[in-house]
Amino acid sequence: FRCEVDGAPYRHRGSGSGGYCEYVFTEAARLLFGQRPEEVVFKTLRNQDFREVTLEVAGEAVLRFAIANGFRNIQNVVQKMKRAKCPYHFIEIMACPSGCLNGGAQLRADDGDSKALLKRVEEAYNAVKSQPPAASPTVLEVYRDWLDAEDPLSDIGIADRAPLWTAYRALEKATNALNIRW
């Protein structure tokens, strides 16, 4: 699959961790509430690594999404979930502070100035042309070749999407015979 349009690289709108939160938010707004947000504006909450976006319809918040980067924020989200106090419908979680652009596989600054390097990486990432995933030649190719559909945003049947979907189920804990006390 290709990652370029007209010979130039492209990226998805959103965070440097793939933009999943923004994409799912805009699609949920479109499919569930008939809204098409022109611009998705994340509000920074506790720190720069915890941001949220809300969709309001008739003055009521109907969608609340968040991006939580770094272990401290992940722990806070998990604690809220355990106490059933987490108000979000979707949370994009990345272990690395500042997300994937500051991930463990990234090059480190020669001079030790990680913040300056991260800023330059973010600027370079944001300078790359963005486009919605549904406009990607690769996505269009998958829909055309695998699903016999021309429009990725069309409401093709669930059965037609089966090659791209998966399902998860809980597995019961297996009893290991070696652990049984006789």
N, C-alpha and C. Protein backbone atom coordinates (compact mmCIF):
# COMPACT_ATOMS: atom_id res chain seq x y z
N PHE A 1 0.83 -1.19 0.00
CA PHE A 1 0.00 0.00 0.00
C PHE A 1 0.87 1.25 0.00
N ARG A 2 0.34 2.28 -0.58
CA ARG A 2 1.09 3.53 -0.70
C ARG A 2 0.75 4.48 0.45
N CYS A 3 1.68 5.37 0.77
CA CYS A 3 1.47 6.42 1.78
C CYS A 3 1.74 7.78 1.16
N GLU A 4 1.36 7.93 -0.09
CA GLU A 4 1.61 9.21 -0.73
C GLU A 4 0.46 9.55 -1.66
N VAL A 5 0.29 10.83 -1.87
CA VAL A 5 -0.71 11.35 -2.80
C VAL A 5 0.05 12.26 -3.76
N ASP A 6 -0.12 12.03 -5.04
CA ASP A 6 0.60 12.83 -6.05
C ASP A 6 2.10 12.85 -5.78
N GLY A 7 2.66 11.74 -5.33
CA GLY A 7 4.09 11.64 -5.10
C GLY A 7 4.58 12.24 -3.80
N ALA A 8 3.68 12.85 -3.01
CA ALA A 8 4.08 13.48 -1.75
C ALA A 8 3.49 12.70 -0.58
N PRO A 9 4.21 12.63 0.53
CA PRO A 9 3.65 11.92 1.70
C PRO A 9 2.44 12.68 2.25
N TYR A 10 1.58 11.97 2.94
CA TYR A 10 0.44 12.61 3.58
C TYR A 10 0.24 12.00 4.95
N ARG A 11 -0.57 12.66 5.75
CA ARG A 11 -0.89 12.17 7.08
C ARG A 11 -2.37 12.38 7.31
N HIS A 12 -2.87 11.76 8.36
CA HIS A 12 -4.25 12.00 8.76
C HIS A 12 -4.28 13.21 9.68
N ARG A 13 -5.40 13.91 9.68
CA ARG A 13 -5.56 15.02 10.62
C ARG A 13 -5.53 14.47 12.03
N GLY A 14 -5.12 15.29 12.96
CA GLY A 14 -5.16 14.87 14.36
C GLY A 14 -3.80 14.77 14.98
N SER A 15 -3.74 14.04 16.07
CA SER A 15 -2.52 13.95 16.87
C SER A 15 -1.41 13.24 16.11
N GLY A 16 -0.21 13.38 16.61
CA GLY A 16 0.94 12.71 16.03
C GLY A 16 0.97 11.23 16.35
N SER A 17 -0.11 10.71 16.90
CA SER A 17 -0.21 9.28 17.19
C SER A 17 -1.18 8.60 16.24
N GLY A 18 -1.44 9.22 15.11
CA GLY A 18 -2.26 8.59 14.10
C GLY A 18 -3.58 9.28 13.83
N GLY A 19 -4.04 10.14 14.72
CA GLY A 19 -5.27 10.86 14.49
C GLY A 19 -6.54 10.04 14.66
N TYR A 20 -6.44 8.90 15.33
CA TYR A 20 -7.61 8.04 15.47
C TYR A 20 -8.74 8.73 16.23
N CYS A 21 -8.41 9.41 17.29
CA CYS A 21 -9.43 10.06 18.11
C CYS A 21 -10.21 11.07 17.27
N GLU A 22 -9.52 11.90 16.53
CA GLU A 22 -10.20 12.91 15.72
C GLU A 22 -11.05 12.26 14.64
N TYR A 23 -10.53 11.23 13.99
CA TYR A 23 -11.29 10.57 12.93
C TYR A 23 -12.54 9.89 13.49
N VAL A 24 -12.40 9.14 14.57
CA VAL A 24 -13.56 8.46 15.16
C VAL A 24 -14.57 9.50 15.64
N PHE A 25 -14.09 10.61 16.20
CA PHE A 25 -14.98 11.67 16.66
C PHE A 25 -15.80 12.24 15.50
N THR A 26 -15.14 12.60 14.40
CA THR A 26 -15.87 13.19 13.28
C THR A 26 -16.84 12.20 12.65
N GLU A 27 -16.44 10.93 12.56
CA GLU A 27 -17.34 9.93 12.00
C GLU A 27 -18.51 9.64 12.94
N ALA A 28 -18.27 9.59 14.25
CA ALA A 28 -19.37 9.39 15.21
C ALA A 28 -20.33 10.57 15.16
N ALA A 29 -19.80 11.78 15.07
CA ALA A 29 -20.66 12.97 14.96
C ALA A 29 -21.52 12.89 13.71
N ARG A 30 -20.92 12.46 12.61
CA ARG A 30 -21.65 12.36 11.33
C ARG A 30 -22.70 11.26 11.37
N LEU A 31 -22.30 10.06 11.79
CA LEU A 31 -23.21 8.92 11.74
C LEU A 31 -24.28 8.94 12.83
N LEU A 32 -23.93 9.39 14.03
CA LEU A 32 -24.88 9.35 15.14
C LEU A 32 -25.76 10.59 15.24
N PHE A 33 -25.20 11.75 14.86
CA PHE A 33 -25.92 13.00 15.10
C PHE A 33 -26.08 13.87 13.85
N GLY A 34 -25.63 13.38 12.70
CA GLY A 34 -25.76 14.14 11.47
C GLY A 34 -24.95 15.42 11.45
N GLN A 35 -23.94 15.51 12.29
CA GLN A 35 -23.09 16.70 12.38
C GLN A 35 -21.79 16.46 11.61
N ARG A 36 -21.28 17.51 11.00
CA ARG A 36 -19.99 17.44 10.31
C ARG A 36 -19.10 18.56 10.83
N PRO A 37 -18.39 18.30 11.93
CA PRO A 37 -17.53 19.35 12.48
C PRO A 37 -16.46 19.75 11.48
N GLU A 38 -16.40 21.04 11.17
CA GLU A 38 -15.39 21.55 10.24
C GLU A 38 -14.00 21.46 10.85
N GLU A 39 -13.93 21.84 12.12
CA GLU A 39 -12.65 21.83 12.82
C GLU A 39 -12.86 21.17 14.17
N VAL A 40 -11.98 20.25 14.52
CA VAL A 40 -12.05 19.58 15.82
C VAL A 40 -11.02 20.24 16.72
N VAL A 41 -11.51 20.88 17.77
CA VAL A 41 -10.62 21.62 18.67
C VAL A 41 -10.55 20.89 20.00
N PHE A 42 -9.35 20.42 20.32
CA PHE A 42 -9.13 19.74 21.59
C PHE A 42 -8.79 20.77 22.66
N LYS A 43 -9.34 20.57 23.83
CA LYS A 43 -9.07 21.44 24.97
C LYS A 43 -8.09 20.73 25.89
N THR A 44 -6.99 21.41 26.22
CA THR A 44 -6.00 20.85 27.14
C THR A 44 -6.56 20.94 28.55
N LEU A 45 -6.51 19.83 29.27
CA LEU A 45 -7.05 19.81 30.63
C LEU A 45 -5.93 19.90 31.65
N ARG A 46 -5.62 18.80 32.34
CA ARG A 46 -4.64 18.82 33.43
C ARG A 46 -3.24 19.22 32.97
N ASN A 47 -2.83 18.70 31.82
CA ASN A 47 -1.49 18.96 31.29
C ASN A 47 -1.54 18.79 29.78
N GLN A 48 -0.46 19.09 29.09
CA GLN A 48 -0.47 19.04 27.63
C GLN A 48 -0.70 17.63 27.08
N ASP A 49 -0.54 16.63 27.90
CA ASP A 49 -0.72 15.24 27.46
C ASP A 49 -2.12 14.70 27.73
N PHE A 50 -3.03 15.54 28.18
CA PHE A 50 -4.41 15.10 28.38
C PHE A 50 -5.33 16.16 27.78
N ARG A 51 -5.97 15.79 26.68
CA ARG A 51 -6.84 16.73 25.97
C ARG A 51 -8.19 16.07 25.70
N GLU A 52 -9.23 16.90 25.59
CA GLU A 52 -10.55 16.36 25.30
C GLU A 52 -11.25 17.21 24.25
N VAL A 53 -12.22 16.60 23.60
CA VAL A 53 -13.06 17.29 22.64
C VAL A 53 -14.50 16.83 22.90
N THR A 54 -15.43 17.77 22.75
CA THR A 54 -16.83 17.48 23.04
C THR A 54 -17.68 17.92 21.86
N LEU A 55 -18.72 17.15 21.57
CA LEU A 55 -19.72 17.56 20.58
C LEU A 55 -20.98 17.91 21.35
N GLU A 56 -21.45 19.12 21.12
CA GLU A 56 -22.68 19.55 21.77
C GLU A 56 -23.79 19.65 20.73
N VAL A 57 -24.95 19.13 21.10
CA VAL A 57 -26.15 19.25 20.27
C VAL A 57 -27.22 19.84 21.17
N ALA A 58 -27.78 20.95 20.75
CA ALA A 58 -28.81 21.67 21.53
C ALA A 58 -28.32 21.96 22.95
N GLY A 59 -27.05 22.34 23.07
CA GLY A 59 -26.50 22.72 24.37
C GLY A 59 -26.13 21.56 25.28
N GLU A 60 -26.30 20.34 24.80
CA GLU A 60 -25.98 19.16 25.61
C GLU A 60 -24.78 18.43 25.01
N ALA A 61 -23.83 18.05 25.85
CA ALA A 61 -22.66 17.29 25.39
C ALA A 61 -23.11 15.87 25.08
N VAL A 62 -23.04 15.49 23.80
CA VAL A 62 -23.48 14.16 23.39
C VAL A 62 -22.31 13.23 23.08
N LEU A 63 -21.14 13.78 22.82
CA LEU A 63 -19.93 12.98 22.62
C LEU A 63 -18.79 13.62 23.39
N ARG A 64 -18.05 12.81 24.13
CA ARG A 64 -16.85 13.28 24.84
C ARG A 64 -15.73 12.31 24.56
N PHE A 65 -14.70 12.81 23.90
CA PHE A 65 -13.54 12.00 23.54
C PHE A 65 -12.31 12.62 24.20
N ALA A 66 -11.28 11.81 24.41
CA ALA A 66 -10.06 12.31 25.04
C ALA A 66 -8.84 11.64 24.43
N ILE A 67 -7.71 12.33 24.56
CA ILE A 67 -6.40 11.78 24.23
C ILE A 67 -5.58 11.83 25.50
N ALA A 68 -5.08 10.67 25.93
CA ALA A 68 -4.26 10.59 27.14
C ALA A 68 -2.92 9.99 26.77
N ASN A 69 -1.87 10.78 26.90
CA ASN A 69 -0.51 10.31 26.61
C ASN A 69 0.29 10.23 27.90
N GLY A 70 1.14 9.23 28.01
CA GLY A 70 2.01 9.09 29.18
C GLY A 70 1.35 8.25 30.27
N PHE A 71 2.19 7.53 31.01
CA PHE A 71 1.68 6.59 32.01
C PHE A 71 0.88 7.26 33.12
N ARG A 72 1.26 8.46 33.52
CA ARG A 72 0.52 9.13 34.60
C ARG A 72 -0.94 9.36 34.18
N ASN A 73 -1.14 9.83 32.96
CA ASN A 73 -2.50 10.06 32.48
C ASN A 73 -3.25 8.75 32.27
N ILE A 74 -2.55 7.73 31.82
CA ILE A 74 -3.19 6.42 31.65
C ILE A 74 -3.67 5.90 33.00
N GLN A 75 -2.83 6.02 34.02
CA GLN A 75 -3.22 5.57 35.37
C GLN A 75 -4.44 6.33 35.87
N ASN A 76 -4.48 7.64 35.62
CA ASN A 76 -5.64 8.43 36.04
C ASN A 76 -6.92 7.97 35.34
N VAL A 77 -6.82 7.69 34.04
CA VAL A 77 -7.99 7.23 33.28
C VAL A 77 -8.45 5.87 33.81
N VAL A 78 -7.51 4.96 34.04
CA VAL A 78 -7.86 3.63 34.53
C VAL A 78 -8.54 3.72 35.90
N GLN A 79 -8.03 4.57 36.77
CA GLN A 79 -8.65 4.75 38.09
C GLN A 79 -10.07 5.28 37.96
N LYS A 80 -10.28 6.24 37.06
CA LYS A 80 -11.64 6.76 36.84
C LYS A 80 -12.56 5.68 36.31
N MET A 81 -12.03 4.84 35.42
CA MET A 81 -12.85 3.76 34.87
C MET A 81 -13.23 2.76 35.95
N LYS A 82 -12.28 2.43 36.82
CA LYS A 82 -12.56 1.49 37.91
C LYS A 82 -13.65 2.02 38.83
N ARG A 83 -13.66 3.34 39.04
CA ARG A 83 -14.66 3.96 39.92
C ARG A 83 -15.93 4.35 39.16
N ALA A 84 -16.01 3.99 37.87
CA ALA A 84 -17.15 4.34 37.02
C ALA A 84 -17.37 5.85 36.98
N LYS A 85 -16.28 6.61 36.95
CA LYS A 85 -16.34 8.07 36.93
C LYS A 85 -15.72 8.64 35.64
N CYS A 86 -15.53 7.80 34.64
CA CYS A 86 -14.90 8.24 33.40
C CYS A 86 -15.99 8.69 32.43
N PRO A 87 -16.02 9.97 32.06
CA PRO A 87 -17.11 10.50 31.25
C PRO A 87 -16.94 10.33 29.74
N TYR A 88 -15.90 9.64 29.30
CA TYR A 88 -15.57 9.62 27.88
C TYR A 88 -16.17 8.43 27.15
N HIS A 89 -16.54 8.69 25.89
CA HIS A 89 -17.05 7.64 25.02
C HIS A 89 -15.90 6.94 24.28
N PHE A 90 -14.78 7.63 24.14
CA PHE A 90 -13.62 7.09 23.42
C PHE A 90 -12.38 7.77 23.98
N ILE A 91 -11.32 7.00 24.18
CA ILE A 91 -10.06 7.57 24.66
C ILE A 91 -8.93 6.98 23.83
N GLU A 92 -8.14 7.86 23.22
CA GLU A 92 -6.93 7.44 22.51
C GLU A 92 -5.81 7.47 23.53
N ILE A 93 -5.20 6.32 23.78
CA ILE A 93 -4.17 6.21 24.82
C ILE A 93 -2.85 5.81 24.19
N MET A 94 -1.81 6.55 24.53
CA MET A 94 -0.46 6.24 24.11
C MET A 94 0.45 6.32 25.33
N ALA A 95 1.33 5.37 25.48
CA ALA A 95 2.20 5.33 26.66
C ALA A 95 3.24 6.44 26.66
N CYS A 96 3.70 6.84 25.50
CA CYS A 96 4.77 7.84 25.43
C CYS A 96 4.24 9.23 25.72
N PRO A 97 4.93 9.99 26.56
CA PRO A 97 4.54 11.39 26.76
C PRO A 97 4.60 12.12 25.41
N SER A 98 3.61 12.91 25.12
CA SER A 98 3.46 13.63 23.84
C SER A 98 3.12 12.68 22.69
N GLY A 99 2.82 11.43 22.96
CA GLY A 99 2.40 10.50 21.92
C GLY A 99 3.55 9.90 21.14
N CYS A 100 3.21 9.35 19.98
CA CYS A 100 4.18 8.59 19.19
C CYS A 100 5.34 9.43 18.66
N LEU A 101 5.11 10.73 18.47
CA LEU A 101 6.21 11.56 17.96
C LEU A 101 7.34 11.67 18.97
N ASN A 102 7.08 11.28 20.21
CA ASN A 102 8.10 11.29 21.26
C ASN A 102 8.33 9.86 21.77
N GLY A 103 8.02 8.89 20.93
CA GLY A 103 8.09 7.49 21.34
C GLY A 103 9.50 6.98 21.53
N GLY A 104 9.60 5.82 22.13
CA GLY A 104 10.89 5.22 22.44
C GLY A 104 11.71 4.87 21.21
N ALA A 105 11.06 4.71 20.06
CA ALA A 105 11.79 4.36 18.84
C ALA A 105 12.29 5.59 18.09
N GLN A 106 11.96 6.77 18.57
CA GLN A 106 12.39 8.00 17.90
C GLN A 106 13.85 8.30 18.25
N LEU A 107 14.51 9.02 17.35
CA LEU A 107 15.88 9.44 17.61
C LEU A 107 15.92 10.39 18.79
N ARG A 108 16.99 10.34 19.53
CA ARG A 108 17.18 11.23 20.69
C ARG A 108 18.03 12.41 20.27
N ALA A 109 17.85 13.51 20.95
CA ALA A 109 18.60 14.73 20.66
C ALA A 109 20.07 14.54 21.00
N ASP A 110 20.95 14.96 20.10
CA ASP A 110 22.40 14.87 20.35
C ASP A 110 22.81 15.73 21.53
N ASP A 111 22.19 16.91 21.63
CA ASP A 111 22.58 17.85 22.68
C ASP A 111 21.78 17.67 23.97
N GLY A 112 20.91 16.66 24.00
CA GLY A 112 20.12 16.40 25.20
C GLY A 112 18.88 17.27 25.33
N ASP A 113 18.64 18.17 24.38
CA ASP A 113 17.47 19.05 24.43
C ASP A 113 16.28 18.36 23.76
N SER A 114 15.65 17.45 24.48
CA SER A 114 14.55 16.65 23.95
C SER A 114 13.34 17.51 23.57
N LYS A 115 13.07 18.54 24.37
CA LYS A 115 11.90 19.38 24.09
C LYS A 115 12.04 20.12 22.77
N ALA A 116 13.23 20.63 22.49
CA ALA A 116 13.45 21.34 21.23
C ALA A 116 13.34 20.38 20.05
N LEU A 117 13.88 19.17 20.20
CA LEU A 117 13.78 18.18 19.14
C LEU A 117 12.32 17.79 18.91
N LEU A 118 11.58 17.55 19.99
CA LEU A 118 10.17 17.19 19.86
C LEU A 118 9.40 18.29 19.15
N LYS A 119 9.70 19.53 19.47
CA LYS A 119 9.03 20.66 18.81
C LYS A 119 9.31 20.64 17.32
N ARG A 120 10.55 20.39 16.93
CA ARG A 120 10.90 20.34 15.50
C ARG A 120 10.22 19.15 14.82
N VAL A 121 10.15 18.01 15.50
CA VAL A 121 9.47 16.84 14.93
C VAL A 121 7.99 17.13 14.74
N GLU A 122 7.36 17.75 15.74
CA GLU A 122 5.93 18.10 15.62
C GLU A 122 5.70 19.08 14.48
N GLU A 123 6.58 20.07 14.33
CA GLU A 123 6.45 21.04 13.24
C GLU A 123 6.59 20.33 11.89
N ALA A 124 7.55 19.42 11.77
CA ALA A 124 7.73 18.68 10.52
C ALA A 124 6.51 17.81 10.23
N TYR A 125 5.99 17.15 11.26
CA TYR A 125 4.80 16.31 11.09
C TYR A 125 3.62 17.15 10.63
N ASN A 126 3.41 18.29 11.29
CA ASN A 126 2.26 19.13 10.97
C ASN A 126 2.40 19.83 9.62
N ALA A 127 3.62 19.91 9.09
CA ALA A 127 3.83 20.52 7.78
C ALA A 127 3.45 19.58 6.64
N VAL A 128 3.34 18.29 6.93
CA VAL A 128 2.95 17.32 5.90
C VAL A 128 1.47 17.49 5.61
N LYS A 129 1.12 17.44 4.33
CA LYS A 129 -0.26 17.60 3.90
C LYS A 129 -1.14 16.55 4.58
N SER A 130 -2.31 16.98 5.06
CA SER A 130 -3.22 16.02 5.68
C SER A 130 -4.44 15.83 4.79
N GLN A 131 -5.05 14.68 4.93
CA GLN A 131 -6.29 14.40 4.21
C GLN A 131 -7.09 13.39 5.02
N PRO A 132 -8.40 13.39 4.85
CA PRO A 132 -9.20 12.40 5.56
C PRO A 132 -8.89 10.99 5.04
N PRO A 133 -8.94 9.99 5.92
CA PRO A 133 -8.66 8.62 5.47
C PRO A 133 -9.54 8.18 4.31
N ALA A 134 -10.78 8.64 4.27
CA ALA A 134 -11.70 8.23 3.20
C ALA A 134 -11.26 8.75 1.84
N ALA A 135 -10.37 9.74 1.80
CA ALA A 135 -9.87 10.28 0.53
C ALA A 135 -8.56 9.62 0.12
N SER A 136 -8.04 8.74 0.94
CA SER A 136 -6.78 8.08 0.66
C SER A 136 -6.92 7.12 -0.53
N PRO A 137 -6.00 7.18 -1.49
CA PRO A 137 -6.05 6.22 -2.59
C PRO A 137 -6.01 4.77 -2.10
N THR A 138 -5.30 4.52 -1.02
CA THR A 138 -5.22 3.16 -0.48
C THR A 138 -6.57 2.71 0.06
N VAL A 139 -7.24 3.58 0.80
CA VAL A 139 -8.56 3.24 1.33
C VAL A 139 -9.54 3.02 0.18
N LEU A 140 -9.51 3.91 -0.80
CA LEU A 140 -10.40 3.76 -1.96
C LEU A 140 -10.13 2.44 -2.68
N GLU A 141 -8.86 2.09 -2.78
CA GLU A 141 -8.48 0.82 -3.43
C GLU A 141 -9.03 -0.38 -2.65
N VAL A 142 -8.93 -0.35 -1.32
CA VAL A 142 -9.45 -1.44 -0.50
C VAL A 142 -10.96 -1.55 -0.68
N TYR A 143 -11.67 -0.44 -0.62
CA TYR A 143 -13.12 -0.48 -0.79
C TYR A 143 -13.51 -0.98 -2.17
N ARG A 144 -12.79 -0.53 -3.19
CA ARG A 144 -13.11 -0.93 -4.55
C ARG A 144 -12.78 -2.41 -4.79
N ASP A 145 -11.58 -2.84 -4.38
CA ASP A 145 -11.12 -4.19 -4.70
C ASP A 145 -11.66 -5.26 -3.76
N TRP A 146 -11.82 -4.95 -2.48
CA TRP A 146 -12.26 -5.96 -1.52
C TRP A 146 -13.76 -5.94 -1.28
N LEU A 147 -14.34 -4.75 -1.35
CA LEU A 147 -15.74 -4.63 -0.96
C LEU A 147 -16.67 -4.26 -2.11
N ASP A 148 -16.13 -4.13 -3.31
CA ASP A 148 -16.92 -3.74 -4.47
C ASP A 148 -17.74 -2.48 -4.21
N ALA A 149 -17.15 -1.53 -3.52
CA ALA A 149 -17.81 -0.25 -3.23
C ALA A 149 -16.88 0.87 -3.66
N GLU A 150 -17.45 1.94 -4.15
CA GLU A 150 -16.64 3.07 -4.60
C GLU A 150 -16.45 4.12 -3.51
N ASP A 151 -17.39 4.19 -2.55
CA ASP A 151 -17.38 5.26 -1.56
C ASP A 151 -17.17 4.70 -0.16
N PRO A 152 -16.01 4.98 0.48
CA PRO A 152 -15.76 4.48 1.83
C PRO A 152 -16.73 5.03 2.87
N LEU A 153 -17.38 6.15 2.58
CA LEU A 153 -18.32 6.72 3.54
C LEU A 153 -19.74 6.25 3.31
N SER A 154 -19.94 5.42 2.28
CA SER A 154 -21.29 4.91 2.05
C SER A 154 -21.64 3.91 3.15
N ASP A 155 -22.89 3.75 3.36
CA ASP A 155 -23.33 2.82 4.40
C ASP A 155 -23.50 1.43 3.80
N ILE A 156 -22.39 0.82 3.44
CA ILE A 156 -22.47 -0.54 2.92
C ILE A 156 -22.83 -1.47 4.07
N GLY A 157 -23.41 -2.58 3.75
CA GLY A 157 -23.89 -3.49 4.78
C GLY A 157 -22.78 -4.03 5.67
N ILE A 158 -23.16 -4.40 6.87
CA ILE A 158 -22.19 -4.95 7.82
C ILE A 158 -21.55 -6.21 7.26
N ALA A 159 -22.32 -7.04 6.59
CA ALA A 159 -21.76 -8.27 6.02
C ALA A 159 -20.69 -7.95 4.99
N ASP A 160 -20.87 -6.85 4.26
CA ASP A 160 -19.88 -6.46 3.25
C ASP A 160 -18.57 -6.02 3.87
N ARG A 161 -18.61 -5.55 5.12
CA ARG A 161 -17.40 -5.07 5.79
C ARG A 161 -16.68 -6.18 6.54
N ALA A 162 -17.24 -7.35 6.57
CA ALA A 162 -16.68 -8.46 7.36
C ALA A 162 -15.19 -8.69 7.12
N PRO A 163 -14.67 -8.58 5.89
CA PRO A 163 -13.23 -8.82 5.72
C PRO A 163 -12.34 -7.82 6.49
N LEU A 164 -12.89 -6.68 6.89
CA LEU A 164 -12.11 -5.66 7.57
C LEU A 164 -12.38 -5.60 9.06
N TRP A 165 -13.30 -6.37 9.54
CA TRP A 165 -13.70 -6.31 10.95
C TRP A 165 -13.22 -7.54 11.70
N THR A 166 -13.17 -7.40 13.00
CA THR A 166 -12.87 -8.53 13.87
C THR A 166 -13.78 -8.44 15.08
N ALA A 167 -13.78 -9.47 15.87
CA ALA A 167 -14.58 -9.47 17.10
C ALA A 167 -13.71 -9.99 18.23
N TYR A 168 -14.02 -9.54 19.41
CA TYR A 168 -13.27 -9.97 20.58
C TYR A 168 -14.23 -10.65 21.54
N ARG A 169 -13.72 -11.63 22.23
CA ARG A 169 -14.55 -12.29 23.24
C ARG A 169 -13.67 -12.58 24.45
N ALA A 170 -14.31 -12.62 25.59
CA ALA A 170 -13.57 -12.89 26.82
C ALA A 170 -13.16 -14.36 26.85
N LEU A 171 -11.97 -14.61 27.29
CA LEU A 171 -11.49 -15.97 27.46
C LEU A 171 -11.48 -16.30 28.94
N GLU A 172 -12.03 -17.45 29.26
CA GLU A 172 -12.00 -17.85 30.65
C GLU A 172 -10.58 -18.27 31.01
N LYS A 173 -10.22 -17.98 32.24
CA LYS A 173 -8.89 -18.32 32.70
C LYS A 173 -8.74 -19.84 32.73
N ALA A 174 -7.72 -20.31 32.05
CA ALA A 174 -7.48 -21.75 31.99
C ALA A 174 -6.82 -22.22 33.28
N THR A 175 -7.25 -23.37 33.74
CA THR A 175 -6.63 -23.96 34.92
C THR A 175 -5.46 -24.81 34.47
N ASN A 176 -4.31 -24.51 34.98
CA ASN A 176 -3.12 -25.26 34.64
C ASN A 176 -2.99 -26.41 35.64
N ALA A 177 -2.90 -27.63 35.15
CA ALA A 177 -2.82 -28.80 36.03
C ALA A 177 -1.60 -28.73 36.95
N LEU A 178 -0.56 -28.04 36.55
CA LEU A 178 0.63 -27.94 37.39
C LEU A 178 0.39 -27.07 38.62
N ASN A 179 -0.63 -26.21 38.56
CA ASN A 179 -0.92 -25.32 39.68
C ASN A 179 -1.89 -25.91 40.70
N ILE A 180 -2.45 -27.05 40.40
CA ILE A 180 -3.41 -27.67 41.32
C ILE A 180 -2.67 -28.26 42.50
N ARG A 181 -3.16 -27.96 43.70
CA ARG A 181 -2.55 -28.54 44.91
C ARG A 181 -3.24 -29.86 45.22
N TRP A 182 -2.46 -30.91 45.35
CA TRP A 182 -3.01 -32.25 45.59
C TRP A 182 -3.07 -32.55 47.04
